[in-house]
Amino acid sequence: MKYLTLRLLILVAALSFTAGWAADLLAGRLGGPLLSLPWAAGIALLVESLVLLVVGFQVRKIRDGDREITLDRTWGAVTAALAQANAVAGAMIAGWHGLLVIDQLTLVGVRSDQGPLWQVAGITAIGVLLTVIGWVVENFCRLPPDDPEEDNGSGREADGKSTRSRPRPAQEGGMARAEHNRNIRGRRPNRPSTPKGPADD
């Protein structure tokens, strides 16, 4: 499993910022509405992130050796995947609405109602929170650096040692086939006896 990097999140936010600029420019020319998430959607995403953070704390306790928590081991992988999705979605939301904040700031002097500005600024802040929570929870799901099972998908452990030469437990089918092949090699074919002729006497 590949972990998130700060460079990737910045790239996602930058691409979303650019897409938001193009979409806002087109909507402005066509007289369309403000392309922002409503408050209800932002609050729902924030509640989801808080639940993910609570689950992430439980996964971290299990990773650190707490045996009092009963949680299936697959929750670690599921929580890490959700955390990554949360962080990427937050970066997209922050980049998109960051552009809208700049656009709305240019209208402060010519508009008395600043409700749209506060809305896009609030959604931008929620996007940043989603990214931070996703990043933190993903770190909760990482194995310790000295854990022999830590493998970042590159064939090397966290300490740089290769894991490709590590013996893997054989599957049941493989063990059965190997045992069958040994049995076949252990058998010697019975050669037919050659009848003795007159010349052999």
C-alpha atoms as a PDB file:
ATOM      1  CA  MET A   1       0.000   0.000   0.000  1.00  0.00           C
ATOM      2  CA  LYS A   2       1.416   3.379  -1.031  1.00  0.00           C
ATOM      3  CA  TYR A   3       1.104   6.160   1.490  1.00  0.00           C
ATOM      4  CA  LEU A   4       0.077   9.729   0.771  1.00  0.00           C
ATOM      5  CA  THR A   5       2.696  12.386   0.294  1.00  0.00           C
ATOM      6  CA  LEU A   6       2.465  16.118   0.847  1.00  0.00           C
ATOM      7  CA  ARG A   7       3.485  16.689  -2.768  1.00  0.00           C
ATOM      8  CA  LEU A   8       0.540  14.630  -4.023  1.00  0.00           C
ATOM      9  CA  LEU A   9      -1.964  16.533  -1.876  1.00  0.00           C
ATOM     10  CA  ILE A  10      -0.584  19.887  -3.040  1.00  0.00           C
ATOM     11  CA  LEU A  11      -0.802  18.703  -6.645  1.00  0.00           C
ATOM     12  CA  VAL A  12      -4.439  17.633  -6.182  1.00  0.00           C
ATOM     13  CA  ALA A  13      -5.294  20.995  -4.606  1.00  0.00           C
ATOM     14  CA  ALA A  14      -3.545  22.874  -7.425  1.00  0.00           C
ATOM     15  CA  LEU A  15      -5.379  20.921 -10.125  1.00  0.00           C
ATOM     16  CA  SER A  16      -8.677  21.480  -8.348  1.00  0.00           C
ATOM     17  CA  PHE A  17      -7.881  25.208  -8.049  1.00  0.00           C
ATOM     18  CA  THR A  18      -7.268  25.380 -11.807  1.00  0.00           C
ATOM     19  CA  ALA A  19     -10.443  23.460 -12.614  1.00  0.00           C
ATOM     20  CA  GLY A  20     -12.411  25.705 -10.265  1.00  0.00           C
ATOM     21  CA  TRP A  21     -11.018  28.795 -11.995  1.00  0.00           C
ATOM     22  CA  ALA A  22     -12.117  27.525 -15.425  1.00  0.00           C
ATOM     23  CA  ALA A  23     -15.548  26.453 -14.167  1.00  0.00           C
ATOM     24  CA  ASP A  24     -16.123  29.741 -12.316  1.00  0.00           C
ATOM     25  CA  LEU A  25     -15.103  31.754 -15.374  1.00  0.00           C
ATOM     26  CA  LEU A  26     -17.536  29.805 -17.555  1.00  0.00           C
ATOM     27  CA  ALA A  27     -20.333  30.097 -14.984  1.00  0.00           C
ATOM     28  CA  GLY A  28     -19.764  33.840 -14.712  1.00  0.00           C
ATOM     29  CA  ARG A  29     -20.046  34.320 -18.456  1.00  0.00           C
ATOM     30  CA  LEU A  30     -23.206  32.217 -18.645  1.00  0.00           C
ATOM     31  CA  GLY A  31     -24.744  33.824 -15.572  1.00  0.00           C
ATOM     32  CA  GLY A  32     -24.726  30.564 -13.624  1.00  0.00           C
ATOM     33  CA  PRO A  33     -24.921  30.071  -9.851  1.00  0.00           C
ATOM     34  CA  LEU A  34     -22.055  29.986  -7.385  1.00  0.00           C
ATOM     35  CA  LEU A  35     -20.322  26.610  -7.814  1.00  0.00           C
ATOM     36  CA  SER A  36     -19.950  25.833  -4.128  1.00  0.00           C
ATOM     37  CA  LEU A  37     -20.952  22.972  -1.867  1.00  0.00           C
ATOM     38  CA  PRO A  38     -23.853  23.811   0.446  1.00  0.00           C
ATOM     39  CA  TRP A  39     -23.350  24.063   4.186  1.00  0.00           C
ATOM     40  CA  ALA A  40     -25.211  20.789   4.742  1.00  0.00           C
ATOM     41  CA  ALA A  41     -22.753  18.853   2.552  1.00  0.00           C
ATOM     42  CA  GLY A  42     -19.757  20.430   4.271  1.00  0.00           C
ATOM     43  CA  ILE A  43     -21.084  19.628   7.750  1.00  0.00           C
ATOM     44  CA  ALA A  44     -21.877  16.040   6.731  1.00  0.00           C
ATOM     45  CA  LEU A  45     -18.310  15.567   5.460  1.00  0.00           C
ATOM     46  CA  LEU A  46     -16.940  17.046   8.665  1.00  0.00           C
ATOM     47  CA  VAL A  47     -18.998  14.650  10.809  1.00  0.00           C
ATOM     48  CA  GLU A  48     -17.771  11.728   8.687  1.00  0.00           C
ATOM     49  CA  SER A  49     -14.185  12.844   9.242  1.00  0.00           C
ATOM     50  CA  LEU A  50     -14.675  13.037  12.997  1.00  0.00           C
ATOM     51  CA  VAL A  51     -16.034   9.474  13.030  1.00  0.00           C
ATOM     52  CA  LEU A  52     -13.019   8.395  10.967  1.00  0.00           C
ATOM     53  CA  LEU A  53     -10.744  10.091  13.489  1.00  0.00           C
ATOM     54  CA  VAL A  54     -12.337   8.156  16.365  1.00  0.00           C
ATOM     55  CA  VAL A  55     -11.871   4.855  14.526  1.00  0.00           C
ATOM     56  CA  GLY A  56      -8.301   5.864  13.714  1.00  0.00           C
ATOM     57  CA  PHE A  57      -7.528   6.297  17.421  1.00  0.00           C
ATOM     58  CA  GLN A  58      -8.804   2.763  18.036  1.00  0.00           C
ATOM     59  CA  VAL A  59      -6.619   1.377  15.240  1.00  0.00           C
ATOM     60  CA  ARG A  60      -3.595   3.190  16.663  1.00  0.00           C
ATOM     61  CA  LYS A  61      -4.189   1.642  20.084  1.00  0.00           C
ATOM     62  CA  ILE A  62      -4.325  -1.831  18.529  1.00  0.00           C
ATOM     63  CA  ARG A  63      -1.148  -1.084  16.559  1.00  0.00           C
ATOM     64  CA  ASP A  64       0.581  -0.057  19.775  1.00  0.00           C
ATOM     65  CA  GLY A  65      -0.307  -3.357  21.451  1.00  0.00           C
ATOM     66  CA  ASP A  66      -3.579  -2.637  23.269  1.00  0.00           C
ATOM     67  CA  ARG A  67      -5.312  -6.025  23.592  1.00  0.00           C
ATOM     68  CA  GLU A  68      -8.382  -4.697  25.377  1.00  0.00           C
ATOM     69  CA  ILE A  69      -9.915  -3.378  22.148  1.00  0.00           C
ATOM     70  CA  THR A  70     -11.782  -5.957  20.092  1.00  0.00           C
ATOM     71  CA  LEU A  71     -11.604  -4.818  16.486  1.00  0.00           C
ATOM     72  CA  ASP A  72     -11.184  -6.901  13.360  1.00  0.00           C
ATOM     73  CA  ARG A  73      -7.725  -6.632  11.797  1.00  0.00           C
ATOM     74  CA  THR A  74      -9.196  -5.720   8.414  1.00  0.00           C
ATOM     75  CA  TRP A  75     -10.362  -2.448   9.926  1.00  0.00           C
ATOM     76  CA  GLY A  76      -6.787  -1.218   9.742  1.00  0.00           C
ATOM     77  CA  ALA A  77      -6.634  -1.491   5.938  1.00  0.00           C
ATOM     78  CA  VAL A  78     -10.182  -0.187   5.529  1.00  0.00           C
ATOM     79  CA  THR A  79      -9.505   2.778   7.789  1.00  0.00           C
ATOM     80  CA  ALA A  80      -6.260   3.598   5.956  1.00  0.00           C
ATOM     81  CA  ALA A  81      -8.067   3.540   2.586  1.00  0.00           C
ATOM     82  CA  LEU A  82     -10.850   5.766   3.913  1.00  0.00           C
ATOM     83  CA  ALA A  83      -8.281   8.144   5.378  1.00  0.00           C
ATOM     84  CA  GLN A  84      -6.530   8.473   2.026  1.00  0.00           C
ATOM     85  CA  ALA A  85      -9.830   9.128   0.259  1.00  0.00           C
ATOM     86  CA  ASN A  86     -10.721  11.680   2.930  1.00  0.00           C
ATOM     87  CA  ALA A  87      -7.427  13.531   2.516  1.00  0.00           C
ATOM     88  CA  VAL A  88      -7.637  13.615  -1.303  1.00  0.00           C
ATOM     89  CA  ALA A  89     -11.271  14.767  -1.231  1.00  0.00           C
ATOM     90  CA  GLY A  90     -10.360  17.470   1.272  1.00  0.00           C
ATOM     91  CA  ALA A  91      -7.538  18.702  -0.959  1.00  0.00           C
ATOM     92  CA  MET A  92      -9.914  18.882  -3.918  1.00  0.00           C
ATOM     93  CA  ILE A  93     -12.534  20.780  -1.914  1.00  0.00           C
ATOM     94  CA  ALA A  94      -9.954  23.182  -0.476  1.00  0.00           C
ATOM     95  CA  GLY A  95      -8.432  23.911  -3.888  1.00  0.00           C
ATOM     96  CA  TRP A  96     -11.777  24.443  -5.618  1.00  0.00           C
ATOM     97  CA  HIS A  97     -13.264  26.676  -2.921  1.00  0.00           C
ATOM     98  CA  GLY A  98      -9.997  28.512  -2.403  1.00  0.00           C
ATOM     99  CA  LEU A  99     -10.446  29.887  -5.911  1.00  0.00           C
ATOM    100  CA  LEU A 100     -14.019  30.859  -5.071  1.00  0.00           C
ATOM    101  CA  VAL A 101     -12.792  32.737  -1.994  1.00  0.00           C
ATOM    102  CA  ILE A 102     -10.484  34.825  -4.180  1.00  0.00           C
ATOM    103  CA  ASP A 103     -13.304  35.429  -6.637  1.00  0.00           C
ATOM    104  CA  GLN A 104     -15.714  36.516  -3.893  1.00  0.00           C
ATOM    105  CA  LEU A 105     -13.134  38.825  -2.319  1.00  0.00           C
ATOM    106  CA  THR A 106     -13.077  40.835  -5.535  1.00  0.00           C
ATOM    107  CA  LEU A 107     -16.805  41.530  -5.085  1.00  0.00           C
ATOM    108  CA  VAL A 108     -16.667  42.791  -1.489  1.00  0.00           C
ATOM    109  CA  GLY A 109     -16.675  46.460  -2.519  1.00  0.00           C
ATOM    110  CA  VAL A 110     -19.623  46.176  -4.896  1.00  0.00           C
ATOM    111  CA  ARG A 111     -21.905  43.874  -2.898  1.00  0.00           C
ATOM    112  CA  SER A 112     -23.537  44.368   0.474  1.00  0.00           C
ATOM    113  CA  ASP A 113     -24.415  40.720   1.131  1.00  0.00           C
ATOM    114  CA  GLN A 114     -21.250  38.788   2.002  1.00  0.00           C
ATOM    115  CA  GLY A 115     -23.040  35.482   2.640  1.00  0.00           C
ATOM    116  CA  PRO A 116     -21.477  33.719  -0.394  1.00  0.00           C
ATOM    117  CA  LEU A 117     -18.011  34.782   0.776  1.00  0.00           C
ATOM    118  CA  TRP A 118     -18.513  33.293   4.233  1.00  0.00           C
ATOM    119  CA  GLN A 119     -19.926  30.131   2.686  1.00  0.00           C
ATOM    120  CA  VAL A 120     -16.988  29.434   0.373  1.00  0.00           C
ATOM    121  CA  ALA A 121     -14.523  30.391   3.123  1.00  0.00           C
ATOM    122  CA  GLY A 122     -16.206  27.956   5.527  1.00  0.00           C
ATOM    123  CA  ILE A 123     -16.224  25.123   2.977  1.00  0.00           C
ATOM    124  CA  THR A 124     -12.547  25.818   2.246  1.00  0.00           C
ATOM    125  CA  ALA A 125     -11.755  25.472   5.946  1.00  0.00           C
ATOM    126  CA  ILE A 126     -13.717  22.221   6.066  1.00  0.00           C
ATOM    127  CA  GLY A 127     -11.686  20.930   3.110  1.00  0.00           C
ATOM    128  CA  VAL A 128      -8.447  21.716   4.927  1.00  0.00           C
ATOM    129  CA  LEU A 129      -9.742  19.885   8.017  1.00  0.00           C
ATOM    130  CA  LEU A 130     -10.640  16.851   5.910  1.00  0.00           C
ATOM    131  CA  THR A 131      -7.111  16.747   4.509  1.00  0.00           C
ATOM    132  CA  VAL A 132      -5.469  17.077   7.925  1.00  0.00           C
ATOM    133  CA  ILE A 133      -7.701  14.422   9.525  1.00  0.00           C
ATOM    134  CA  GLY A 134      -7.129  12.016   6.633  1.00  0.00           C
ATOM    135  CA  TRP A 135      -3.364  12.530   6.871  1.00  0.00           C
ATOM    136  CA  VAL A 136      -3.351  11.974  10.639  1.00  0.00           C
ATOM    137  CA  VAL A 137      -5.554   8.861  10.520  1.00  0.00           C
ATOM    138  CA  GLU A 138      -3.439   7.330   7.753  1.00  0.00           C
ATOM    139  CA  ASN A 139      -0.387   7.752   9.991  1.00  0.00           C
ATOM    140  CA  PHE A 140      -2.299   5.995  12.783  1.00  0.00           C
ATOM    141  CA  CYS A 141      -2.676   2.966  10.501  1.00  0.00           C
ATOM    142  CA  ARG A 142       1.004   2.706   9.587  1.00  0.00           C
ATOM    143  CA  LEU A 143       3.064  -0.064  11.120  1.00  0.00           C
ATOM    144  CA  PRO A 144       5.991   0.936  13.347  1.00  0.00           C
ATOM    145  CA  PRO A 145       9.307   1.377  11.504  1.00  0.00           C
ATOM    146  CA  ASP A 146      10.853  -1.645  13.276  1.00  0.00           C
ATOM    147  CA  ASP A 147       7.941  -3.962  12.451  1.00  0.00           C
ATOM    148  CA  PRO A 148       9.189  -6.815  10.217  1.00  0.00           C
ATOM    149  CA  GLU A 149       5.857  -6.868   8.401  1.00  0.00           C
ATOM    150  CA  GLU A 150       6.219  -3.279   7.244  1.00  0.00           C
ATOM    151  CA  ASP A 151       6.462  -3.247   3.462  1.00  0.00           C
ATOM    152  CA  ASN A 152       5.735  -0.177   1.391  1.00  0.00           C
ATOM    153  CA  GLY A 153       5.137  -2.145  -1.785  1.00  0.00           C
ATOM    154  CA  SER A 154       8.717  -1.637  -3.001  1.00  0.00           C
ATOM    155  CA  GLY A 155      10.019  -4.986  -1.848  1.00  0.00           C
ATOM    156  CA  ARG A 156      11.899  -3.425   1.064  1.00  0.00           C
ATOM    157  CA  GLU A 157      11.184  -3.098   4.734  1.00  0.00           C
ATOM    158  CA  ALA A 158      11.288   0.194   6.586  1.00  0.00           C
ATOM    159  CA  ASP A 159      14.937  -0.421   7.529  1.00  0.00           C
ATOM    160  CA  GLY A 160      15.932  -0.919   3.886  1.00  0.00           C
ATOM    161  CA  LYS A 161      16.265  -4.695   3.967  1.00  0.00           C
ATOM    162  CA  SER A 162      14.815  -6.561   1.052  1.00  0.00           C
ATOM    163  CA  THR A 163      11.712  -8.644   1.640  1.00  0.00           C
ATOM    164  CA  ARG A 164      11.757 -10.441  -1.689  1.00  0.00           C
ATOM    165  CA  SER A 165      13.987 -13.236  -0.397  1.00  0.00           C
ATOM    166  CA  ARG A 166      11.860 -13.802   2.697  1.00  0.00           C
ATOM    167  CA  PRO A 167      10.309 -17.287   2.554  1.00  0.00           C
ATOM    168  CA  ARG A 168       6.573 -17.193   2.139  1.00  0.00           C
ATOM    169  CA  PRO A 169       4.320 -19.815   3.689  1.00  0.00           C
ATOM    170  CA  ALA A 170       3.221 -22.284   1.111  1.00  0.00           C
ATOM    171  CA  GLN A 171      -0.428 -22.515   0.269  1.00  0.00           C
ATOM    172  CA  GLU A 172      -2.316 -25.704   0.922  1.00  0.00           C
ATOM    173  CA  GLY A 173      -2.553 -26.518  -2.760  1.00  0.00           C
ATOM    174  CA  GLY A 174       1.165 -25.960  -3.265  1.00  0.00           C
ATOM    175  CA  MET A 175       2.069 -28.241  -0.358  1.00  0.00           C
ATOM    176  CA  ALA A 176      -0.204 -30.950  -1.702  1.00  0.00           C
ATOM    177  CA  ARG A 177       1.336 -30.734  -5.166  1.00  0.00           C
ATOM    178  CA  ALA A 178       4.866 -30.853  -3.757  1.00  0.00           C
ATOM    179  CA  GLU A 179       4.030 -33.933  -1.677  1.00  0.00           C
ATOM    180  CA  HIS A 180       2.473 -35.590  -4.730  1.00  0.00           C
ATOM    181  CA  ASN A 181       5.579 -34.902  -6.820  1.00  0.00           C
ATOM    182  CA  ARG A 182       7.856 -36.366  -4.121  1.00  0.00           C
ATOM    183  CA  ASN A 183       5.757 -39.521  -4.040  1.00  0.00           C
ATOM    184  CA  ILE A 184       6.003 -39.882  -7.799  1.00  0.00           C
ATOM    185  CA  ARG A 185       9.781 -39.389  -7.774  1.00  0.00           C
ATOM    186  CA  GLY A 186      10.127 -41.936  -4.969  1.00  0.00           C
ATOM    187  CA  ARG A 187       8.498 -44.665  -6.995  1.00  0.00           C
ATOM    188  CA  ARG A 188      10.706 -46.692  -9.333  1.00  0.00           C
ATOM    189  CA  PRO A 189       9.054 -48.249 -12.346  1.00  0.00           C
ATOM    190  CA  ASN A 190       9.085 -52.039 -12.356  1.00  0.00           C
ATOM    191  CA  ARG A 191      11.094 -53.124 -15.370  1.00  0.00           C
ATOM    192  CA  PRO A 192       9.835 -56.306 -17.020  1.00  0.00           C
ATOM    193  CA  SER A 193      12.222 -59.194 -16.571  1.00  0.00           C
ATOM    194  CA  THR A 194      13.873 -60.389 -19.758  1.00  0.00           C
ATOM    195  CA  PRO A 195      13.418 -64.141 -20.357  1.00  0.00           C
ATOM    196  CA  LYS A 196      16.642 -66.011 -20.565  1.00  0.00           C
ATOM    197  CA  GLY A 197      17.430 -67.557 -23.930  1.00  0.00           C
ATOM    198  CA  PRO A 198      19.556 -70.543 -24.831  1.00  0.00           C
ATOM    199  CA  ALA A 199      22.577 -68.315 -25.297  1.00  0.00           C
ATOM    200  CA  ASP A 200      22.379 -67.123 -21.695  1.00  0.00           C
ATOM    201  CA  ASP A 201      22.763 -70.669 -20.353  1.00  0.00           C
END
